[in-house]
């Protein structure tokens, strides 16, 4: 908790100075989880995440963002506090462009560009956890986003150290060094092309194409290819229809072996009014078969091990009390998992999520 103590001391120090010029934000993500015992998943009621953030203009050229976060990942059985993000950004250096330097969530896909408490779902789809971690891939480096001349399209380029990319997911083929942030063999690079279609004043579609290249500390070479799409139809002050999907493929090369894993999810939400919404999500993940010492090598993420392919169906209800607080109930059933010493290939779990924030939240993208 030392980072949180530093943050509180900093607030006190600024109270007589520039505090009025700094926007402060704090948010909490509290989850109650109950799962079928035969699947080997844990049940608990816990604070999954707490964030404390400050953002402000630094000078006439740069803005700054500092975020501390305390995580408690249930299935991984450990909690930690970290510098979540610390970066400067500017839209003044180049025309129609934004430059970001520091530690941040990498600007590709849909879920990866948002903090978890801002997601429209409680648990990340399996493909997101497997490829990018429980919350998302973040790293230290530089990102350049260029709005194309018609302003409805953009290109995002990123180059980061590669040392932290996906340190929260647990894979059977990865060693403990992954969790100690050992130095990657090469930087991580990514590219995203996005375009927006405005259907009318209330409806629009945003589509992104993504390519990511990285090499980790064990010389595993990864290539990721992804498509993300979001459609919104607004009625009055609420979203009456939300459609969100991502499709990803990961190619892994190491020791003359090549493996291709792929997955996708699609989420549809229908808003009843500005307080109540119902959602349904379909997930699918295909695991390429691996061999390790003559034995089949599975793939385990957050207590779920996939041998060949898995699919899941989630139903959710979200009550939004205001823009500062919401409650979400989710029931999820999945098939295609392997549980040690058991014949089961399915799991069922229920989730209740409480999200609230205080202070000034940064503006969201579409």
Protein backbone atom coordinates (compact mmCIF):
# COMPACT_ATOMS: atom_id res chain seq x y z
CA UNK A 1 0.00 0.00 0.00
CA UNK A 2 3.01 2.30 -0.07
CA UNK A 3 1.95 3.87 -3.37
CA UNK A 4 -1.42 4.82 -1.92
CA UNK A 5 0.30 6.43 1.06
CA UNK A 6 2.49 8.43 -1.29
CA UNK A 7 -0.60 9.55 -3.18
CA UNK A 8 -2.33 10.74 0.00
CA UNK A 9 0.75 12.64 1.10
CA UNK A 10 0.94 14.23 -2.34
CA UNK A 11 -2.66 15.39 -2.09
CA UNK A 12 -1.89 17.06 1.23
CA UNK A 13 1.21 18.71 -0.19
CA UNK A 14 -0.70 20.15 -3.12
CA UNK A 15 -3.62 21.35 -1.00
CA UNK A 16 -2.03 24.78 -0.51
CA UNK A 17 -0.71 25.02 -4.07
CA UNK A 18 -1.97 23.88 -7.46
CA UNK A 19 -4.68 21.52 -6.22
CA UNK A 20 -7.40 23.56 -7.90
CA UNK A 21 -5.61 23.07 -11.25
CA UNK A 22 -5.50 19.28 -10.96
CA UNK A 23 -8.41 16.94 -11.60
CA UNK A 24 -8.52 14.04 -9.14
CA UNK A 25 -10.29 10.74 -9.60
CA UNK A 26 -10.76 7.68 -7.40
CA UNK A 27 -12.73 4.58 -8.29
CA UNK A 28 -13.49 1.15 -6.86
CA UNK A 29 -14.49 -2.12 -8.49
CA UNK A 30 -16.07 -4.54 -5.98
CA UNK A 31 -17.04 -8.04 -7.09
CA UNK A 32 -18.95 -10.92 -5.53
CA UNK A 33 -18.26 -14.19 -7.32
CA UNK A 34 -19.86 -17.60 -6.82
CA UNK A 35 -18.90 -20.56 -9.02
CA UNK A 36 -19.81 -24.22 -9.35
CA UNK A 37 -17.43 -26.16 -7.13
CA UNK A 38 -16.77 -28.93 -9.65
CA UNK A 39 -15.03 -26.43 -11.97
CA UNK A 40 -12.39 -25.56 -9.39
CA UNK A 41 -13.14 -21.82 -9.52
CA UNK A 42 -13.10 -19.67 -6.40
CA UNK A 43 -15.98 -17.84 -4.75
CA UNK A 44 -15.51 -14.64 -2.78
CA UNK A 45 -16.67 -11.08 -2.12
CA UNK A 46 -13.74 -8.72 -2.53
CA UNK A 47 -12.44 -5.38 -3.77
CA UNK A 48 -11.02 -6.34 -7.12
CA UNK A 49 -9.53 -2.98 -7.87
CA UNK A 50 -9.06 0.50 -6.44
CA UNK A 51 -7.66 3.38 -8.48
CA UNK A 52 -6.41 6.81 -7.57
CA UNK A 53 -5.63 9.16 -10.46
CA UNK A 54 -4.58 12.74 -11.13
CA UNK A 55 -4.58 14.46 -14.50
CA UNK A 56 -3.85 18.04 -15.45
CA UNK A 57 -2.19 20.34 -17.92
CA UNK A 58 1.55 20.51 -17.30
CA UNK A 59 2.21 23.53 -19.46
CA UNK A 60 1.17 24.98 -22.83
CA UNK A 61 2.32 21.81 -24.62
CA UNK A 62 1.78 18.77 -22.40
CA UNK A 63 -0.90 17.18 -20.23
CA UNK A 64 -0.03 14.60 -17.58
CA UNK A 65 -1.76 11.53 -16.14
CA UNK A 66 -0.69 9.63 -12.99
CA UNK A 67 -2.65 6.58 -11.79
CA UNK A 68 -2.01 4.19 -8.89
CA UNK A 69 -3.98 0.97 -8.63
CA UNK A 70 -4.43 -1.83 -6.12
CA UNK A 71 -5.42 -5.17 -7.69
CA UNK A 72 -6.75 -8.35 -6.17
CA UNK A 73 -7.10 -11.06 -8.82
CA UNK A 74 -9.24 -13.80 -7.29
CA UNK A 75 -8.12 -16.82 -9.28
CA UNK A 76 -4.45 -15.88 -9.13
CA UNK A 77 -4.56 -15.63 -5.34
CA UNK A 78 -2.49 -12.50 -4.91
CA UNK A 79 -2.94 -8.74 -4.52
CA UNK A 80 -0.53 -6.00 -5.50
CA UNK A 81 -0.28 -2.24 -5.79
CA UNK A 82 1.36 -0.70 -8.82
CA UNK A 83 1.86 2.38 -10.93
CA UNK A 84 -1.02 1.77 -13.30
CA UNK A 85 -0.28 4.59 -15.70
CA UNK A 86 2.16 7.50 -15.76
CA UNK A 87 2.40 9.38 -19.00
CA UNK A 88 2.46 12.76 -20.69
CA UNK A 89 0.52 13.50 -23.86
CA UNK A 90 0.25 16.36 -26.28
CA UNK A 91 -1.86 17.34 -29.27
CA UNK A 92 0.21 20.49 -29.83
CA UNK A 93 3.41 19.05 -31.30
CA UNK A 94 2.03 17.84 -34.65
CA UNK A 95 -1.13 18.85 -36.51
CA UNK A 96 -4.09 16.45 -36.16
CA UNK A 97 -1.94 14.23 -33.94
CA UNK A 98 -1.55 13.10 -30.34
CA UNK A 99 1.70 11.89 -28.83
CA UNK A 100 1.77 9.84 -25.61
CA UNK A 101 4.97 8.99 -23.70
CA UNK A 102 5.28 6.89 -20.53
CA UNK A 103 3.42 3.90 -19.12
CA UNK A 104 -0.11 3.37 -20.43
CA UNK A 105 -2.63 0.85 -21.74
CA UNK A 106 -1.68 0.16 -25.34
CA UNK A 107 -3.97 1.76 -27.88
CA UNK A 108 -5.33 -1.24 -29.76
CA UNK A 109 -8.59 -3.18 -29.71
CA UNK A 110 -11.64 -2.10 -27.73
CA UNK A 111 -11.35 -3.39 -24.16
CA UNK A 112 -7.63 -2.67 -24.02
CA UNK A 113 -8.19 1.08 -24.43
CA UNK A 114 -10.39 1.34 -21.32
CA UNK A 115 -9.87 0.73 -17.63
CA UNK A 116 -11.76 -2.29 -16.38
CA UNK A 117 -14.23 -0.31 -14.26
CA UNK A 118 -15.40 1.39 -17.48
CA UNK A 119 -16.13 -1.85 -19.34
CA UNK A 120 -19.68 -2.80 -20.25
CA UNK A 121 -18.94 -6.33 -18.94
CA UNK A 122 -17.65 -7.60 -15.59
CA UNK A 123 -15.26 -10.40 -16.57
CA UNK A 124 -12.99 -10.21 -19.59
CA UNK A 125 -13.65 -12.78 -22.33
CA UNK A 126 -11.23 -15.69 -22.34
CA UNK A 127 -9.46 -14.41 -25.47
CA UNK A 128 -8.77 -11.06 -23.77
CA UNK A 129 -7.37 -12.73 -20.65
CA UNK A 130 -5.28 -15.20 -22.62
CA UNK A 131 -3.78 -12.69 -25.04
CA UNK A 132 -3.61 -9.47 -23.01
CA UNK A 133 -4.25 -10.23 -19.33
CA UNK A 134 -7.17 -9.80 -16.95
CA UNK A 135 -7.47 -6.08 -17.53
CA UNK A 136 -5.37 -5.36 -20.58
CA UNK A 137 -1.88 -4.97 -21.98
CA UNK A 138 0.06 -2.00 -20.68
CA UNK A 139 3.71 -1.11 -21.10
CA UNK A 140 6.18 1.77 -21.17
CA UNK A 141 6.96 3.50 -24.44
CA UNK A 142 5.60 5.95 -26.97
CA UNK A 143 2.35 6.08 -28.94
CA UNK A 144 1.52 8.33 -31.88
CA UNK A 145 -2.04 8.77 -33.14
CA UNK A 146 -2.73 10.61 -36.38
CA UNK A 147 -6.19 11.70 -37.47
CA UNK A 148 -6.46 11.26 -41.21
CA UNK A 149 -7.56 14.27 -43.32
CA UNK A 150 -11.29 13.47 -43.34
CA UNK A 151 -11.16 13.19 -39.51
CA UNK A 152 -13.33 10.05 -39.55
CA UNK A 153 -10.30 7.75 -39.64
CA UNK A 154 -7.08 7.50 -37.67
CA UNK A 155 -3.83 5.57 -37.50
CA UNK A 156 -2.19 4.66 -34.19
CA UNK A 157 1.44 3.57 -33.97
CA UNK A 158 3.05 2.33 -30.75
CA UNK A 159 6.49 1.15 -29.69
CA UNK A 160 7.07 -0.02 -26.11
CA UNK A 161 9.69 -1.91 -24.12
CA UNK A 162 7.72 -5.17 -24.10
CA UNK A 163 8.68 -5.90 -20.50
CA UNK A 164 5.19 -5.75 -18.97
CA UNK A 165 2.85 -6.51 -21.90
CA UNK A 166 0.91 -9.39 -20.31
CA UNK A 167 2.18 -10.03 -16.81
CA UNK A 168 -1.14 -10.88 -15.17
CA UNK A 169 -2.19 -13.87 -17.26
CA UNK A 170 -0.87 -17.29 -16.31
CA UNK A 171 0.16 -19.68 -19.07
CA UNK A 172 1.52 -23.15 -18.56
CA UNK A 173 4.37 -22.58 -21.01
CA UNK A 174 5.56 -19.41 -19.31
CA UNK A 175 8.04 -19.36 -16.46
CA UNK A 176 8.01 -17.36 -13.25
CA UNK A 177 10.18 -14.77 -14.97
CA UNK A 178 7.08 -13.52 -16.75
CA UNK A 179 5.67 -12.31 -13.44
CA UNK A 180 8.95 -10.69 -12.45
CA UNK A 181 8.87 -8.47 -15.55
CA UNK A 182 12.12 -9.84 -17.02
CA UNK A 183 13.46 -7.87 -19.94
CA UNK A 184 11.92 -8.69 -23.30
CA UNK A 185 14.16 -9.69 -26.20
CA UNK A 186 12.75 -6.95 -28.42
CA UNK A 187 10.36 -4.00 -28.20
CA UNK A 188 6.64 -4.47 -28.74
CA UNK A 189 5.19 -2.70 -31.75
CA UNK A 190 1.56 -2.20 -32.71
CA UNK A 191 -0.57 -0.54 -35.35
CA UNK A 192 -4.29 0.26 -35.36
CA UNK A 193 -6.32 1.70 -38.20
CA UNK A 194 -9.76 2.92 -37.15
CA UNK A 195 -12.63 4.46 -39.04
CA UNK A 196 -15.96 5.86 -37.88
CA UNK A 197 -19.26 5.80 -39.76
CA UNK A 198 -21.87 8.27 -38.56
CA UNK A 199 -25.24 6.79 -39.53
CA UNK A 200 -27.19 9.75 -38.14
CA UNK A 201 -27.08 12.07 -35.13
CA UNK A 202 -27.84 9.18 -32.74
CA UNK A 203 -26.14 6.18 -34.36
CA UNK A 204 -22.60 5.35 -35.33
CA UNK A 205 -20.14 2.50 -35.94
CA UNK A 206 -16.43 2.48 -35.08
CA UNK A 207 -14.24 -0.25 -36.65
CA UNK A 208 -10.60 -0.97 -35.92
CA UNK A 209 -7.97 -3.22 -37.52
CA UNK A 210 -5.02 -4.17 -35.32
CA UNK A 211 -1.57 -5.74 -35.74
CA UNK A 212 0.83 -6.37 -32.83
CA UNK A 213 4.35 -7.82 -32.83
CA UNK A 214 6.33 -8.79 -29.76
CA UNK A 215 9.11 -11.09 -28.51
CA UNK A 216 9.16 -11.95 -24.81
CA UNK A 217 12.07 -12.70 -22.47
CA UNK A 218 12.05 -16.37 -23.48
CA UNK A 219 12.32 -15.50 -27.18
CA UNK A 220 8.72 -16.52 -27.90
CA UNK A 221 7.74 -14.57 -31.00
CA UNK A 222 4.10 -13.42 -31.13
CA UNK A 223 2.02 -11.87 -33.88
CA UNK A 224 -1.52 -10.72 -33.09
CA UNK A 225 -4.18 -9.77 -35.62
CA UNK A 226 -7.48 -8.32 -34.49
CA UNK A 227 -10.74 -6.70 -35.54
CA UNK A 228 -12.81 -4.61 -33.13
CA UNK A 229 -16.22 -3.05 -33.75
CA UNK A 230 -18.69 -1.06 -31.70
CA UNK A 231 -22.14 0.17 -32.72
CA UNK A 232 -24.14 2.61 -30.60
CA UNK A 233 -27.71 3.82 -30.98
CA UNK A 234 -28.63 6.53 -28.52
CA UNK A 235 -32.21 7.34 -27.54
CA UNK A 236 -32.50 10.52 -25.54
CA UNK A 237 -30.04 10.30 -22.64
CA UNK A 238 -29.28 6.57 -22.81
CA UNK A 239 -27.98 3.90 -25.17
CA UNK A 240 -30.90 1.89 -26.48
CA UNK A 241 -28.63 -0.49 -28.42
CA UNK A 242 -24.96 -1.34 -27.98
CA UNK A 243 -23.14 -3.94 -30.05
CA UNK A 244 -19.48 -4.67 -29.30
CA UNK A 245 -17.24 -7.40 -30.69
CA UNK A 246 -13.59 -8.34 -31.06
CA UNK A 247 -11.96 -11.11 -33.10
CA UNK A 248 -8.33 -12.01 -32.41
CA UNK A 249 -5.71 -14.46 -33.69
CA UNK A 250 -2.32 -15.05 -32.08
CA UNK A 251 0.57 -16.78 -33.83
CA UNK A 252 3.37 -18.12 -31.63
CA UNK A 253 6.79 -19.24 -32.88
CA UNK A 254 9.43 -20.83 -30.64
CA UNK A 255 12.01 -23.62 -31.09
CA UNK A 256 10.78 -24.43 -34.59
CA UNK A 257 7.23 -24.81 -33.29
CA UNK A 258 4.32 -22.76 -34.56
CA UNK A 259 0.94 -22.46 -32.86
CA UNK A 260 -2.12 -20.42 -33.70
CA UNK A 261 -4.76 -19.60 -31.09
CA UNK A 262 -7.85 -17.56 -31.84
CA UNK A 263 -10.91 -16.26 -30.07
CA UNK A 264 -13.79 -13.84 -30.28
CA UNK A 265 -16.64 -12.37 -28.30
CA UNK A 266 -19.76 -10.45 -29.19
CA UNK A 267 -21.79 -8.46 -26.68
CA UNK A 268 -25.27 -7.05 -27.30
CA UNK A 269 -26.91 -4.71 -24.81
CA UNK A 270 -30.44 -3.32 -24.96
CA UNK A 271 -31.16 -0.30 -22.83
CA UNK A 272 -34.64 -0.12 -21.33
CA UNK A 273 -34.14 3.40 -20.04
CA UNK A 274 -31.20 5.34 -18.63
CA UNK A 275 -31.17 3.19 -15.48
CA UNK A 276 -31.80 -0.38 -16.71
CA UNK A 277 -30.10 -2.46 -19.42
CA UNK A 278 -30.01 -6.14 -20.37
CA UNK A 279 -27.03 -7.77 -22.07
CA UNK A 280 -25.98 -11.06 -23.63
CA UNK A 281 -22.44 -12.10 -24.54
CA UNK A 282 -21.09 -15.04 -26.55
CA UNK A 283 -17.44 -16.08 -26.24
CA UNK A 284 -15.49 -18.64 -28.23
CA UNK A 285 -11.83 -19.63 -27.99
CA UNK A 286 -9.84 -22.19 -30.02
CA UNK A 287 -6.64 -23.54 -28.50
CA UNK A 288 -4.00 -24.98 -30.82
CA UNK A 289 -2.83 -28.35 -29.54
CA UNK A 290 0.63 -28.33 -27.97
CA UNK A 291 3.05 -31.07 -27.09
CA UNK A 292 5.40 -30.92 -24.11
CA UNK A 293 7.58 -33.89 -23.38
CA UNK A 294 5.25 -36.20 -25.28
CA UNK A 295 2.24 -35.13 -23.27
CA UNK A 296 -0.57 -32.85 -24.25
CA UNK A 297 0.07 -29.33 -23.06
CA UNK A 298 -3.01 -27.44 -21.95
CA UNK A 299 -3.57 -23.75 -21.51
CA UNK A 300 -4.79 -22.36 -18.20
CA UNK A 301 -5.97 -18.82 -17.53
CA UNK A 302 -7.60 -17.78 -14.25
CA UNK A 303 -8.40 -21.34 -13.26
CA UNK A 304 -9.90 -22.35 -16.61
CA UNK A 305 -7.91 -24.78 -18.74
CA UNK A 306 -8.78 -25.20 -22.40
CA UNK A 307 -7.68 -28.31 -24.27
CA UNK A 308 -9.16 -27.69 -27.71
CA UNK A 309 -11.98 -25.14 -27.73
CA UNK A 310 -14.29 -23.50 -25.27
CA UNK A 311 -17.43 -21.40 -25.52
CA UNK A 312 -19.42 -19.41 -22.99
CA UNK A 313 -22.75 -17.62 -22.76
CA UNK A 314 -23.29 -14.73 -20.34
CA UNK A 315 -26.50 -12.94 -19.41
CA UNK A 316 -26.34 -9.64 -17.55
CA UNK A 317 -28.46 -6.92 -16.04
CA UNK A 318 -26.98 -3.49 -15.33
CA UNK A 319 -28.51 -0.86 -13.08
CA UNK A 320 -26.93 2.55 -13.63
CA UNK A 321 -27.84 4.81 -10.76
CA UNK A 322 -25.86 7.71 -12.21
CA UNK A 323 -22.71 8.30 -14.22
CA UNK A 324 -20.81 7.76 -10.95
CA UNK A 325 -22.17 4.36 -9.85
CA UNK A 326 -23.61 1.15 -11.25
CA UNK A 327 -24.41 -2.43 -10.28
CA UNK A 328 -24.17 -5.36 -12.69
CA UNK A 329 -25.46 -8.92 -12.25
CA UNK A 330 -24.02 -11.60 -14.54
CA UNK A 331 -24.69 -15.31 -14.98
CA UNK A 332 -22.18 -17.20 -17.12
CA UNK A 333 -22.08 -20.79 -18.34
CA UNK A 334 -19.17 -22.24 -20.28
CA UNK A 335 -18.20 -25.51 -21.95
CA UNK A 336 -14.99 -27.03 -23.21
CA UNK A 337 -12.75 -26.75 -20.14
CA UNK A 338 -10.60 -29.38 -18.46
CA UNK A 339 -10.75 -29.86 -14.70
CA UNK A 340 -8.11 -32.05 -13.08
CA UNK A 341 -9.46 -35.23 -11.42
CA UNK A 342 -12.95 -34.53 -12.74
CA UNK A 343 -15.11 -35.52 -15.70
CA UNK A 344 -16.69 -32.10 -15.98
CA UNK A 345 -16.20 -29.99 -19.10
CA UNK A 346 -18.41 -27.08 -18.05
CA UNK A 347 -18.70 -24.40 -15.40
CA UNK A 348 -21.31 -21.97 -14.14
CA UNK A 349 -20.68 -18.81 -12.16
CA UNK A 350 -22.58 -15.78 -10.98
CA UNK A 351 -21.08 -12.32 -10.53
CA UNK A 352 -22.27 -9.14 -8.86
CA UNK A 353 -20.21 -6.04 -9.58
CA UNK A 354 -20.38 -2.72 -7.76
CA UNK A 355 -18.57 0.17 -9.48
CA UNK A 356 -18.38 3.71 -8.22
CA UNK A 357 -16.10 6.70 -8.65
CA UNK A 358 -15.58 10.08 -7.06
CA UNK A 359 -13.94 13.14 -8.47
CA UNK A 360 -13.51 14.08 -12.12
CA UNK A 361 -13.34 11.17 -14.56
CA UNK A 362 -11.40 11.79 -17.80
CA UNK A 363 -13.46 11.98 -20.98
CA UNK A 364 -14.13 8.73 -22.83
CA UNK A 365 -13.63 8.03 -26.50
CA UNK A 366 -16.58 6.82 -28.53
